[in-house]
């Protein structure tokens, strides 16, 4: 079962837990099961149209996930984290 790491602002929805074992074989299944278990997570994770909130990024291992059909192996990690933006160096 994949382990899901949650950002601090979502921990009030999960009773303070920052890691959860959530069943699922794909990113989509894990997210669906997370939201079924913790209904308040939906508004934190998704926009009204079902897309991920723009300030969040999903990582499977150390790779950013854009395709929610990405398979997750038992024991793998799915990290939900804040997107980081950067500046640029002066020309």
N, C-alpha and C. Protein backbone atom coordinates (compact mmCIF):
# COMPACT_ATOMS: atom_id res chain seq x y z
N UNK A 1 0.84 -1.17 0.00
CA UNK A 1 0.00 0.00 0.00
C UNK A 1 0.89 1.24 0.00
N UNK A 2 0.64 2.19 -0.90
CA UNK A 2 1.46 3.40 -0.94
C UNK A 2 1.31 4.24 0.32
N UNK A 3 2.38 4.93 0.65
CA UNK A 3 2.38 5.87 1.77
C UNK A 3 2.26 7.27 1.17
N UNK A 4 1.31 8.04 1.70
CA UNK A 4 1.06 9.40 1.22
C UNK A 4 1.57 10.38 2.26
N UNK A 5 2.41 11.31 1.81
CA UNK A 5 2.94 12.38 2.67
C UNK A 5 2.13 13.63 2.38
N UNK A 6 1.64 14.26 3.44
CA UNK A 6 0.76 15.43 3.29
C UNK A 6 1.45 16.72 3.72
N UNK A 7 1.12 17.83 3.06
CA UNK A 7 1.67 19.11 3.50
C UNK A 7 1.00 19.55 4.80
N UNK A 8 1.67 20.38 5.56
CA UNK A 8 1.17 20.85 6.85
C UNK A 8 -0.25 21.41 6.80
N UNK A 9 -0.61 22.24 5.80
CA UNK A 9 -1.96 22.81 5.80
C UNK A 9 -3.09 21.78 5.68
N UNK A 10 -2.79 20.55 5.30
CA UNK A 10 -3.83 19.53 5.18
C UNK A 10 -3.97 18.68 6.43
N UNK A 11 -3.10 18.84 7.37
CA UNK A 11 -3.09 17.92 8.51
C UNK A 11 -4.28 18.10 9.43
N UNK A 12 -4.93 19.26 9.40
CA UNK A 12 -6.14 19.40 10.21
C UNK A 12 -7.26 18.50 9.68
N UNK A 13 -7.24 18.20 8.40
CA UNK A 13 -8.24 17.33 7.78
C UNK A 13 -8.03 15.87 8.19
N UNK A 14 -6.78 15.50 8.45
CA UNK A 14 -6.44 14.10 8.75
C UNK A 14 -6.17 13.87 10.24
N UNK A 15 -6.63 14.77 11.08
CA UNK A 15 -6.42 14.60 12.50
C UNK A 15 -4.98 14.75 12.92
N UNK A 16 -4.22 15.55 12.19
CA UNK A 16 -2.83 15.81 12.53
C UNK A 16 -1.83 14.85 11.92
N UNK A 17 -2.30 13.83 11.21
CA UNK A 17 -1.38 12.86 10.61
C UNK A 17 -0.70 13.46 9.39
N UNK A 18 0.60 13.22 9.28
CA UNK A 18 1.34 13.73 8.12
C UNK A 18 1.68 12.64 7.11
N UNK A 19 1.58 11.39 7.51
CA UNK A 19 1.74 10.28 6.56
C UNK A 19 0.60 9.31 6.76
N UNK A 20 0.11 8.79 5.65
CA UNK A 20 -1.03 7.87 5.67
C UNK A 20 -0.76 6.72 4.71
N UNK A 21 -1.17 5.54 5.09
CA UNK A 21 -1.15 4.41 4.17
C UNK A 21 -2.51 4.38 3.48
N UNK A 22 -2.51 4.63 2.17
CA UNK A 22 -3.75 4.72 1.40
C UNK A 22 -3.68 3.71 0.26
N UNK A 23 -4.66 2.82 0.14
CA UNK A 23 -4.63 1.83 -0.93
C UNK A 23 -4.85 2.46 -2.30
N UNK A 24 -4.32 1.80 -3.31
CA UNK A 24 -4.51 2.21 -4.69
C UNK A 24 -3.35 1.75 -5.55
N UNK A 25 -3.64 1.49 -6.81
CA UNK A 25 -2.61 1.03 -7.74
C UNK A 25 -2.10 2.13 -8.65
N UNK A 26 -2.84 3.25 -8.69
CA UNK A 26 -2.41 4.41 -9.48
C UNK A 26 -2.53 5.66 -8.61
N UNK A 27 -1.93 6.74 -9.07
CA UNK A 27 -2.04 8.02 -8.36
C UNK A 27 -3.52 8.40 -8.23
N UNK A 28 -4.29 8.21 -9.29
CA UNK A 28 -5.71 8.56 -9.27
C UNK A 28 -6.46 7.77 -8.19
N UNK A 29 -6.20 6.46 -8.11
CA UNK A 29 -6.88 5.62 -7.11
C UNK A 29 -6.49 6.03 -5.69
N UNK A 30 -5.22 6.31 -5.48
CA UNK A 30 -4.77 6.71 -4.14
C UNK A 30 -5.43 8.03 -3.75
N UNK A 31 -5.45 9.00 -4.65
CA UNK A 31 -6.09 10.29 -4.34
C UNK A 31 -7.58 10.10 -4.07
N UNK A 32 -8.25 9.29 -4.88
CA UNK A 32 -9.68 9.04 -4.68
C UNK A 32 -9.93 8.39 -3.32
N UNK A 33 -9.10 7.44 -2.94
CA UNK A 33 -9.26 6.78 -1.65
C UNK A 33 -8.94 7.72 -0.49
N UNK A 34 -7.95 8.59 -0.68
CA UNK A 34 -7.63 9.59 0.33
C UNK A 34 -8.83 10.51 0.55
N UNK A 35 -9.44 10.98 -0.53
CA UNK A 35 -10.57 11.90 -0.42
C UNK A 35 -11.82 11.20 0.11
N UNK A 36 -11.96 9.90 -0.17
CA UNK A 36 -13.10 9.15 0.38
C UNK A 36 -12.95 9.00 1.89
N UNK A 37 -11.74 8.76 2.35
CA UNK A 37 -11.48 8.59 3.77
C UNK A 37 -11.55 9.92 4.51
N UNK A 38 -11.06 10.98 3.88
CA UNK A 38 -11.02 12.32 4.48
C UNK A 38 -11.69 13.30 3.52
N UNK A 39 -13.03 13.41 3.56
CA UNK A 39 -13.75 14.25 2.59
C UNK A 39 -13.26 15.69 2.54
N UNK A 40 -12.78 16.24 3.64
CA UNK A 40 -12.29 17.61 3.64
C UNK A 40 -11.05 17.80 2.79
N UNK A 41 -10.39 16.71 2.44
CA UNK A 41 -9.18 16.79 1.63
C UNK A 41 -9.47 17.23 0.20
N UNK A 42 -10.67 16.94 -0.28
CA UNK A 42 -10.99 17.25 -1.68
C UNK A 42 -10.80 18.73 -1.99
N UNK A 43 -11.37 19.60 -1.18
CA UNK A 43 -11.26 21.04 -1.47
C UNK A 43 -9.84 21.55 -1.32
N UNK A 44 -9.04 20.87 -0.52
CA UNK A 44 -7.64 21.27 -0.36
C UNK A 44 -6.79 20.82 -1.54
N UNK A 45 -7.17 19.69 -2.14
CA UNK A 45 -6.38 19.11 -3.23
C UNK A 45 -6.81 19.56 -4.62
N UNK A 46 -8.12 19.65 -4.83
CA UNK A 46 -8.63 19.82 -6.19
C UNK A 46 -9.40 21.11 -6.37
N UNK A 47 -9.31 21.62 -7.59
CA UNK A 47 -10.16 22.74 -8.01
C UNK A 47 -11.55 22.18 -8.29
N UNK A 48 -12.50 23.05 -8.55
CA UNK A 48 -13.86 22.62 -8.85
C UNK A 48 -13.92 21.73 -10.08
N UNK A 49 -13.02 21.95 -11.05
CA UNK A 49 -13.03 21.15 -12.28
C UNK A 49 -12.29 19.82 -12.13
N UNK A 50 -11.81 19.51 -10.92
CA UNK A 50 -11.16 18.22 -10.67
C UNK A 50 -9.66 18.21 -10.87
N UNK A 51 -9.10 19.32 -11.33
CA UNK A 51 -7.64 19.39 -11.49
C UNK A 51 -7.00 19.73 -10.16
N UNK A 52 -5.73 19.37 -10.04
CA UNK A 52 -4.97 19.64 -8.83
C UNK A 52 -4.87 21.15 -8.60
N UNK A 53 -4.95 21.57 -7.34
CA UNK A 53 -4.78 22.98 -7.02
C UNK A 53 -3.44 23.46 -7.58
N UNK A 54 -3.38 24.69 -8.11
CA UNK A 54 -2.16 25.16 -8.77
C UNK A 54 -0.96 25.30 -7.85
N UNK A 55 -1.18 25.38 -6.56
CA UNK A 55 -0.06 25.55 -5.64
C UNK A 55 0.49 24.20 -5.14
N UNK A 56 -0.03 23.09 -5.67
CA UNK A 56 0.42 21.77 -5.24
C UNK A 56 1.13 21.01 -6.35
N UNK A 57 2.00 20.11 -5.94
CA UNK A 57 2.72 19.21 -6.85
C UNK A 57 2.65 17.82 -6.25
N UNK A 58 2.54 16.81 -7.12
CA UNK A 58 2.58 15.42 -6.69
C UNK A 58 3.92 14.82 -7.10
N UNK A 59 4.54 14.11 -6.18
CA UNK A 59 5.80 13.43 -6.46
C UNK A 59 5.65 11.95 -6.13
N UNK A 60 6.03 11.10 -7.07
CA UNK A 60 6.10 9.66 -6.82
C UNK A 60 7.58 9.35 -6.74
N UNK A 61 8.03 9.02 -5.52
CA UNK A 61 9.47 8.93 -5.32
C UNK A 61 10.01 10.34 -5.42
N UNK A 62 10.92 10.55 -6.33
CA UNK A 62 11.47 11.90 -6.52
C UNK A 62 11.12 12.48 -7.89
N UNK A 63 10.07 11.91 -8.52
CA UNK A 63 9.67 12.34 -9.87
C UNK A 63 8.30 13.01 -9.80
N UNK A 64 8.20 14.20 -10.40
CA UNK A 64 6.92 14.89 -10.44
C UNK A 64 5.93 14.10 -11.29
N UNK A 65 4.71 13.97 -10.78
CA UNK A 65 3.66 13.21 -11.45
C UNK A 65 2.67 14.17 -12.09
N UNK A 66 2.52 14.06 -13.40
CA UNK A 66 1.50 14.83 -14.11
C UNK A 66 0.39 13.92 -14.62
N UNK A 67 0.70 12.66 -14.85
CA UNK A 67 -0.27 11.67 -15.33
C UNK A 67 -0.80 10.89 -14.13
N UNK A 68 -2.07 11.09 -13.82
CA UNK A 68 -2.65 10.45 -12.64
C UNK A 68 -2.85 8.95 -12.82
N UNK A 69 -2.61 8.45 -14.00
CA UNK A 69 -2.68 7.00 -14.22
C UNK A 69 -1.33 6.34 -13.93
N UNK A 70 -0.37 7.11 -13.46
CA UNK A 70 0.95 6.58 -13.10
C UNK A 70 0.76 5.49 -12.05
N UNK A 71 1.33 4.31 -12.30
CA UNK A 71 1.19 3.23 -11.32
C UNK A 71 2.03 3.48 -10.07
N UNK A 72 1.51 3.01 -8.95
CA UNK A 72 2.23 3.08 -7.68
C UNK A 72 2.36 1.66 -7.14
N UNK A 73 3.57 1.28 -6.82
CA UNK A 73 3.83 -0.05 -6.28
C UNK A 73 3.51 -0.06 -4.78
N UNK A 74 3.19 -1.24 -4.24
CA UNK A 74 3.05 -1.32 -2.78
C UNK A 74 4.35 -0.86 -2.12
N UNK A 75 4.21 -0.07 -1.09
CA UNK A 75 5.39 0.44 -0.40
C UNK A 75 5.98 1.69 -1.01
N UNK A 76 5.43 2.16 -2.12
CA UNK A 76 5.95 3.38 -2.74
C UNK A 76 5.42 4.60 -1.96
N UNK A 77 5.94 5.77 -2.29
CA UNK A 77 5.55 6.99 -1.62
C UNK A 77 4.99 7.99 -2.62
N UNK A 78 3.89 8.62 -2.24
CA UNK A 78 3.31 9.71 -3.00
C UNK A 78 3.36 10.93 -2.09
N UNK A 79 4.08 11.95 -2.53
CA UNK A 79 4.25 13.16 -1.74
C UNK A 79 3.39 14.26 -2.36
N UNK A 80 2.57 14.87 -1.51
CA UNK A 80 1.79 16.03 -1.92
C UNK A 80 2.49 17.22 -1.27
N UNK A 81 2.97 18.13 -2.09
CA UNK A 81 3.76 19.23 -1.54
C UNK A 81 3.44 20.53 -2.25
N UNK A 82 3.84 21.61 -1.66
CA UNK A 82 3.64 22.92 -2.27
C UNK A 82 4.60 23.10 -3.44
N UNK A 83 4.08 23.67 -4.50
CA UNK A 83 4.91 23.99 -5.66
C UNK A 83 5.84 25.12 -5.28
N UNK A 84 7.05 25.04 -5.74
CA UNK A 84 8.02 26.11 -5.47
C UNK A 84 8.24 26.91 -6.74
N UNK A 85 8.23 28.19 -6.57
CA UNK A 85 8.53 29.06 -7.70
C UNK A 85 9.85 29.74 -7.44
N UNK A 86 10.49 30.11 -8.48
CA UNK A 86 11.77 30.76 -8.29
C UNK A 86 11.84 32.05 -9.06
N UNK A 87 12.79 32.78 -8.72
CA UNK A 87 13.06 34.01 -9.45
C UNK A 87 13.99 33.72 -10.60
N UNK A 88 14.59 34.73 -11.10
CA UNK A 88 15.58 34.54 -12.14
C UNK A 88 16.79 35.39 -11.79
N UNK A 89 17.90 34.98 -12.34
CA UNK A 89 19.12 35.75 -12.11
C UNK A 89 19.10 36.99 -13.00
N UNK A 90 19.64 38.07 -12.49
CA UNK A 90 19.69 39.27 -13.35
C UNK A 90 20.53 39.00 -14.59
N UNK A 91 20.13 39.61 -15.67
CA UNK A 91 20.84 39.42 -16.94
C UNK A 91 22.19 40.09 -16.92
